[in-house]
Amino acid sequence: MDEKHAEQMRLLGLNIAFYRRARGLTQSELAEAVQISRTHMSNIEARNSHTSLSLNKLLDIADALEVPVKSLFEFRN
């Protein structure tokens, strides 16, 4: 992954984890809902992972979490 996007991907993963927990879902449940492995979901949420994420899967995740995709990009400092 390009280093210039690493921090944004880290924050995106943290937001996904935040909304997943707020919905009361496990990583396995969210992974199943968007048809990826639990390991891939874990890597997406990991703070120091360099896992990429397709736009289609990002939209699937937002749908499964019942949040607008823009919410996943509202990074808090």
Protein backbone atom coordinates (compact mmCIF):
# COMPACT_ATOMS: atom_id res chain seq x y z
CA MET A 1 0.00 0.00 0.00
CA ASP A 2 1.12 3.51 -0.75
CA GLU A 3 2.48 5.14 2.41
CA LYS A 4 0.62 8.36 1.65
CA HIS A 5 -2.68 6.51 2.17
CA ALA A 6 -1.63 4.33 5.11
CA GLU A 7 -2.96 6.69 7.79
CA GLN A 8 -6.29 7.09 6.03
CA MET A 9 -6.67 3.32 5.68
CA ARG A 10 -5.84 2.92 9.38
CA LEU A 11 -8.53 5.44 10.32
CA LEU A 12 -11.01 3.83 7.94
CA GLY A 13 -10.43 0.47 9.63
CA LEU A 14 -10.93 2.01 13.05
CA ASN A 15 -14.22 3.56 11.93
CA ILE A 16 -15.42 0.25 10.53
CA ALA A 17 -14.61 -1.39 13.87
CA PHE A 18 -16.41 1.41 15.76
CA TYR A 19 -19.62 1.07 13.74
CA ARG A 20 -19.43 -2.75 13.84
CA ARG A 21 -19.26 -2.71 17.62
CA ALA A 22 -22.04 -0.11 17.80
CA ARG A 23 -24.26 -2.51 15.83
CA GLY A 24 -23.32 -5.36 18.17
CA LEU A 25 -21.68 -7.43 15.44
CA THR A 26 -18.60 -9.60 15.68
CA GLN A 27 -15.94 -9.51 13.00
CA SER A 28 -17.14 -12.93 11.86
CA GLU A 29 -20.73 -11.74 11.51
CA LEU A 30 -19.77 -8.65 9.51
CA ALA A 31 -17.37 -10.68 7.37
CA GLU A 32 -20.09 -13.18 6.60
CA ALA A 33 -22.54 -10.39 5.72
CA VAL A 34 -20.12 -8.96 3.14
CA GLN A 35 -18.78 -12.33 1.98
CA ILE A 36 -15.14 -12.04 3.04
CA SER A 37 -13.14 -14.10 5.52
CA ARG A 38 -12.96 -13.14 9.17
CA THR A 39 -9.20 -12.84 8.75
CA HIS A 40 -9.63 -10.29 5.98
CA MET A 41 -12.08 -8.32 8.14
CA SER A 42 -9.60 -8.43 11.00
CA ASN A 43 -6.88 -7.14 8.70
CA ILE A 44 -9.11 -4.31 7.48
CA GLU A 45 -9.73 -3.21 11.07
CA ALA A 46 -6.14 -3.72 12.25
CA ARG A 47 -4.31 -0.53 13.14
CA ASN A 48 -1.06 -1.52 11.50
CA SER A 49 -2.28 -3.64 8.61
CA HIS A 50 -1.65 -2.79 4.98
CA THR A 51 -4.68 -4.62 3.62
CA SER A 52 -6.40 -3.11 0.63
CA LEU A 53 -10.14 -2.83 0.31
CA SER A 54 -12.18 -2.64 -2.88
CA LEU A 55 -14.80 0.03 -3.30
CA ASN A 56 -17.46 -2.65 -3.76
CA LYS A 57 -16.57 -4.26 -0.42
CA LEU A 58 -16.47 -0.87 1.28
CA LEU A 59 -19.99 -0.16 0.02
CA ASP A 60 -21.08 -3.64 1.18
CA ILE A 61 -19.62 -2.95 4.64
CA ALA A 62 -21.44 0.40 4.88
CA ASP A 63 -24.70 -1.31 3.86
CA ALA A 64 -24.22 -4.10 6.40
CA LEU A 65 -23.49 -1.55 9.13
CA GLU A 66 -26.47 0.55 8.00
CA VAL A 67 -24.39 3.73 7.83
CA PRO A 68 -23.76 6.09 4.93
CA VAL A 69 -20.38 5.31 3.37
CA LYS A 70 -19.33 8.91 4.07
CA SER A 71 -19.57 8.15 7.81
CA LEU A 72 -16.71 5.70 7.44
CA PHE A 73 -14.53 8.58 6.22
CA GLU A 74 -15.37 11.02 9.00
CA PHE A 75 -12.05 10.70 10.78
CA ARG A 76 -11.83 11.93 14.35
CA ASN A 77 -8.53 13.14 15.73
